[in-house]
Every structure is written in C-alpha cells, then in structure tokens.
Protein backbone atom coordinates (compact mmCIF):
# COMPACT_ATOMS: atom_id res chain seq x y z
CA MET A 1 41.39 41.67 -15.68
CA TRP A 2 41.07 40.13 -12.22
CA SER A 3 43.49 38.99 -9.51
CA ASP A 4 42.90 36.62 -6.60
CA LEU A 5 44.35 37.33 -3.13
CA ASP A 6 43.85 35.62 0.24
CA ASP A 7 44.67 36.29 3.90
CA THR A 8 45.95 33.94 6.58
CA SER A 9 42.62 33.14 8.29
CA SER A 10 41.65 29.48 8.32
CA GLY A 11 39.36 26.99 10.06
CA PRO A 12 36.15 25.28 8.96
CA ALA A 13 34.91 28.50 7.36
CA GLY A 14 37.86 28.35 4.95
CA LEU A 15 40.30 31.02 3.87
CA ARG A 16 38.82 34.40 3.10
CA ARG A 17 39.82 35.15 -0.46
CA TYR A 18 39.64 38.48 -2.24
CA LEU A 19 38.89 39.08 -5.89
CA ILE A 20 39.85 42.38 -7.50
CA HIS A 21 38.79 43.45 -11.00
CA ARG A 22 40.59 46.19 -12.92
CA ASP A 23 39.41 48.07 -15.98
CA PRO A 24 41.57 48.27 -19.16
CA GLY A 25 43.35 51.30 -17.69
CA GLY A 26 44.36 49.40 -14.56
CA SER A 27 41.96 51.09 -12.14
CA VAL A 28 40.06 48.93 -9.67
CA ASP A 29 36.37 48.83 -10.59
CA GLY A 30 35.24 45.73 -8.72
CA VAL A 31 35.99 43.84 -5.49
CA ALA A 32 34.63 40.65 -3.95
CA ASN A 33 35.48 38.38 -1.03
CA TYR A 34 34.49 34.74 -0.67
CA ARG A 35 35.24 31.47 1.14
CA LEU A 36 35.28 27.78 0.30
CA PRO A 37 34.21 26.22 3.63
CA TRP A 38 35.30 22.72 4.57
CA SER A 39 32.63 20.23 5.62
CA PRO A 40 32.84 16.53 6.58
CA ARG A 41 29.36 15.99 5.15
CA ILE A 42 29.33 15.12 1.46
CA GLU A 43 25.99 16.84 0.92
CA GLU A 44 27.46 20.14 2.15
CA ALA A 45 30.78 19.90 0.30
CA GLY A 46 31.42 21.99 -2.79
CA THR A 47 29.78 25.19 -1.49
CA LEU A 48 31.28 28.59 -2.28
CA VAL A 49 30.18 31.47 -0.03
CA VAL A 50 30.28 34.99 -1.46
CA GLU A 51 30.45 37.41 1.47
CA GLY A 52 30.50 40.58 -0.59
CA LEU A 53 30.67 41.74 -4.21
CA HIS A 54 30.68 45.33 -5.43
CA ALA A 55 31.22 46.56 -8.98
CA ALA A 56 31.38 50.02 -10.49
CA SER A 57 30.71 48.74 -14.02
CA GLY A 58 28.71 46.05 -15.76
CA ASP A 59 31.89 44.48 -17.15
CA ALA A 60 33.37 44.10 -13.65
CA TYR A 61 30.14 42.68 -12.26
CA GLN A 62 29.81 40.08 -15.00
CA ALA A 63 33.49 39.08 -14.96
CA MET A 64 33.60 38.50 -11.21
CA TRP A 65 30.38 36.48 -11.13
CA GLN A 66 31.50 34.40 -14.10
CA LEU A 67 34.66 33.45 -12.20
CA LEU A 68 32.86 32.76 -8.93
CA LEU A 69 30.32 30.51 -10.66
CA ASP A 70 32.99 28.52 -12.50
CA PHE A 71 35.13 27.08 -9.68
CA ASP A 72 35.99 23.39 -10.06
CA LEU A 73 34.15 20.97 -7.76
CA THR A 74 31.67 23.65 -6.72
CA ARG A 75 28.06 22.53 -6.65
CA LYS A 76 26.42 25.51 -4.96
CA VAL A 77 27.13 29.22 -4.55
CA VAL A 78 25.62 31.06 -1.58
CA ALA A 79 25.67 34.87 -1.40
CA ALA A 80 24.37 37.26 1.23
CA PRO A 81 23.44 39.99 1.58
CA ARG A 82 22.46 40.80 -1.98
CA PRO A 83 20.00 43.30 -3.51
CA SER A 84 16.48 42.16 -4.32
CA ASP A 85 16.92 43.13 -7.99
CA GLU A 86 20.17 41.16 -8.44
CA PRO A 87 21.23 41.22 -12.15
CA LEU A 88 22.91 37.80 -11.76
CA ARG A 89 19.58 36.04 -12.31
CA TRP A 90 19.51 37.25 -15.91
CA MET A 91 23.08 36.13 -16.58
CA LEU A 92 22.11 32.49 -15.99
CA ASP A 93 20.99 30.14 -18.76
CA ASN A 94 18.33 29.00 -16.29
CA PRO A 95 17.22 32.04 -14.24
CA ARG A 96 15.20 29.73 -11.96
CA ALA A 97 18.46 28.18 -10.71
CA MET A 98 18.90 31.28 -8.54
CA ARG A 99 16.76 31.04 -5.43
CA VAL A 100 16.06 33.62 -2.75
CA THR A 101 16.05 31.74 0.57
CA ARG A 102 15.78 34.67 2.97
CA GLN A 103 14.77 38.32 2.87
CA SER A 104 15.26 40.96 5.54
CA ASP A 105 15.51 44.73 5.80
CA SER A 106 18.65 46.34 7.19
CA LEU A 107 17.98 50.07 6.99
CA TRP A 108 15.16 52.08 8.53
CA ILE A 109 14.38 55.74 7.86
CA ARG A 110 12.31 58.17 9.88
CA LEU A 111 12.05 61.69 8.40
CA LEU A 112 12.41 64.34 11.10
CA ASP A 113 12.12 67.30 8.71
CA VAL A 114 9.96 66.43 5.70
CA GLN A 115 10.64 69.66 3.81
CA ALA A 116 14.44 69.46 4.16
CA ALA A 117 14.47 65.75 3.33
CA LEU A 118 12.42 66.12 0.16
CA GLU A 119 14.67 68.94 -1.03
CA ALA A 120 17.85 66.95 -0.26
CA ARG A 121 17.36 64.32 -2.98
CA ALA A 122 16.89 64.29 -6.75
CA TYR A 123 14.06 62.57 -8.63
CA ASP A 124 14.44 60.40 -11.72
CA SER A 125 11.20 61.71 -13.24
CA GLY A 126 10.23 65.36 -12.99
CA GLY A 127 6.86 66.41 -11.61
CA ALA A 128 4.93 68.46 -9.08
CA LEU A 129 2.64 67.19 -6.32
CA VAL A 130 1.07 68.56 -3.18
CA LEU A 131 1.72 66.07 -0.37
CA GLY A 132 -0.21 66.15 2.88
CA VAL A 133 0.92 64.72 6.23
CA GLU A 134 -2.05 64.48 8.61
CA SER A 135 -0.35 63.58 11.87
CA ASP A 136 3.16 63.37 13.31
CA PRO A 137 3.09 63.34 17.14
CA MET A 138 6.89 63.13 17.31
CA CYS A 139 7.58 66.07 14.95
CA PRO A 140 4.41 68.20 14.68
CA GLY A 141 6.19 70.56 12.28
CA ASN A 142 5.88 67.88 9.60
CA GLU A 143 2.09 68.11 9.59
CA GLY A 144 0.32 69.97 6.78
CA SER A 145 0.61 70.23 3.01
CA ARG A 146 3.70 70.90 0.93
CA ARG A 147 4.17 71.30 -2.81
CA LEU A 148 7.06 69.23 -4.13
CA ASP A 149 8.58 70.30 -7.46
CA GLY A 150 11.28 67.75 -8.23
CA GLY A 151 13.41 66.43 -11.04
CA PRO A 152 16.87 65.03 -11.88
CA ASP A 153 18.57 68.32 -10.92
CA GLY A 154 17.01 68.62 -7.48
CA ALA A 155 13.82 69.78 -5.84
CA VAL A 156 12.01 72.64 -4.15
CA CYS A 157 9.49 71.93 -1.40
CA THR A 158 7.25 74.71 -0.05
CA ARG A 159 4.44 74.76 2.49
CA VAL A 160 1.01 75.51 0.96
CA THR A 161 -2.57 75.82 2.16
CA THR A 162 -4.19 74.16 -0.86
CA ALA A 163 -5.77 70.72 -0.66
CA PRO A 164 -3.20 67.93 -1.12
CA ASP A 165 -3.09 65.70 -4.19
CA LEU A 166 -2.06 62.86 -1.88
CA VAL A 167 -2.21 62.22 1.86
CA ILE A 168 0.69 60.08 3.09
CA ASP A 169 1.82 58.88 6.52
CA LEU A 170 5.42 59.21 7.72
CA GLN A 171 6.06 55.47 7.63
CA ALA A 172 5.12 55.31 3.95
CA LEU A 173 7.18 58.41 3.12
CA GLY A 174 10.21 56.84 4.82
CA SER A 175 9.74 53.68 2.76
CA LEU A 176 9.57 55.71 -0.45
CA TYR A 177 12.45 58.04 0.32
CA LEU A 178 15.38 55.93 -0.91
CA GLY A 179 13.49 54.67 -3.95
CA GLY A 180 13.00 51.03 -3.00
CA MET A 181 9.22 50.90 -2.73
CA SER A 182 6.23 51.29 -5.03
CA ALA A 183 3.82 54.09 -4.19
CA ALA A 184 1.03 52.08 -5.82
CA LEU A 185 1.70 49.20 -3.42
CA LEU A 186 1.56 51.52 -0.40
CA ALA A 187 -1.64 53.10 -1.73
CA SER A 188 -3.24 49.65 -2.00
CA ALA A 189 -2.32 49.09 1.66
CA GLY A 190 -4.01 52.37 2.65
CA ARG A 191 -0.78 54.18 3.50
CA ILE A 192 -1.32 56.74 0.72
CA ARG A 193 -4.67 58.27 -0.24
CA GLY A 194 -5.28 60.03 -3.51
CA ASP A 195 -6.30 59.60 -7.12
CA ARG A 196 -4.61 57.04 -9.32
CA LYS A 197 -2.87 59.61 -11.53
CA SER A 198 -1.19 61.31 -8.57
CA VAL A 199 -0.11 57.96 -7.09
CA SER A 200 1.43 56.98 -10.44
CA LEU A 201 3.35 60.27 -10.64
CA LEU A 202 4.59 59.83 -7.05
CA SER A 203 5.82 56.34 -7.89
CA LEU A 204 7.66 57.56 -11.01
CA MET A 205 9.32 60.41 -9.12
CA PHE A 206 10.56 58.40 -6.14
CA ARG A 207 11.54 55.05 -7.69
CA THR A 208 15.19 54.46 -8.60
CA ASP A 209 16.66 51.97 -11.05
CA PRO A 210 18.46 49.94 -9.84
CA GLU A 211 17.01 49.98 -6.34
CA ARG A 212 19.18 51.32 -3.54
CA PHE A 213 20.96 48.60 -1.57
CA ASN A 214 22.62 48.67 1.85
CA THR A 215 25.35 46.06 2.36
CA PHE A 216 25.82 46.63 6.07
CA VAL A 217 23.25 45.76 8.71
CA PHE A 218 23.07 48.28 11.54
C-alpha cells in the first residue's frame, strides 16, 4: 500500500512529492521523493526525477519503482544517487533500457587502527588469514602482520610474527573494508600481494551482498 504526499515548493524544478509504502500491518517500509520538472523544450518534457528511494523490503522496493515508472506522459526517469548494483535493472523487460550516465564515489575510508577496525565488523564468509601492512607513515602502529579470524558473528585480530599470507596497503584495505570492492581486482592492480587462494578467501570474507551504499555525499 502506498500514499503520495507533496509539499508547497514550486518553480521549474517542480513540486517535491513524497511516496510512502506501508507493509500489510501498516508500518512504513519504504519512502521515496521525486519531482516532475517543467521545461519549455519538448525534448526535455516528460522527465521524472527520483531524488531518493529507500526500501526495507523487496515488496516495497518493487511497488515504489513500479509506480514511478508508470506515470502518464513520462518518457524518461532519472535517478541519482543510486547504488551500482541497482536491482531495478532486472525488473525491466529490457534491462538495457537502464543506463548509467555518471559514476562517482562519495565516501572515503582511512583506517587509523587496523586491528580495532578489523575486529569491529563481521564477515559474510568465515576464514583466517595473516595480513601484512608494510608501511604506514601516518600511523606506524598499523605496520606488521596480524592474524584475522573472522565470520558472521564477529572477528578476532591479533598481532603475529609469522610471515603474512597477503601483503596489503592501507588504501586497498580501506577500499575493501565496507565490502564494495573485489580483492582480486586490487591484487591485479598490485595493491595486494599473495597467492591466489589467499586472495580468493580475502575477497569472500570482505565482500557484502548487496554492496554497501551511501546516499549522502560528504
């Protein structure tokens, strides 16, 4: 069940309208806001702009997109920012009709305490690896090898003196931390050094499905 609300803002950008989806029990499980801008140019008319859409369930996600894609006299729907693994593509009869016209990153991570950071998150796939950080001029305490034992219930990270399974730089570890990057891709770029089996295990442990997504740019 959805309801459509709008505020009093106007102008060429159009009214900002709000879409709320409720589950069968009446609880809100999805929200979206969008505009129907006015344009004097015929080639730009009929564009619906989705400024934000968030859903706590697959039913809410599908219902809101189905409504937004079915407005009368709408020829094009523009949405930003959206995650790179947007499920909408696979709702379409023609997945190629959805086009990515711009990509940018809006969240940067720099680990100041590798051991605390690795213990602060869970890992989709369980495993154990010895990770080595060769150099960190900003935080020298991050240098050295640590054994990471992680899984869905949490992780333990301890400093060790054994040779590392993988050597990784801080930039690569920051890219991996939220689960939105492939360890194999970083290894191919020279950011991670180690055998193929260890790289594969690292990728399985750190990846998340779906990928993490940050709506707000800061």
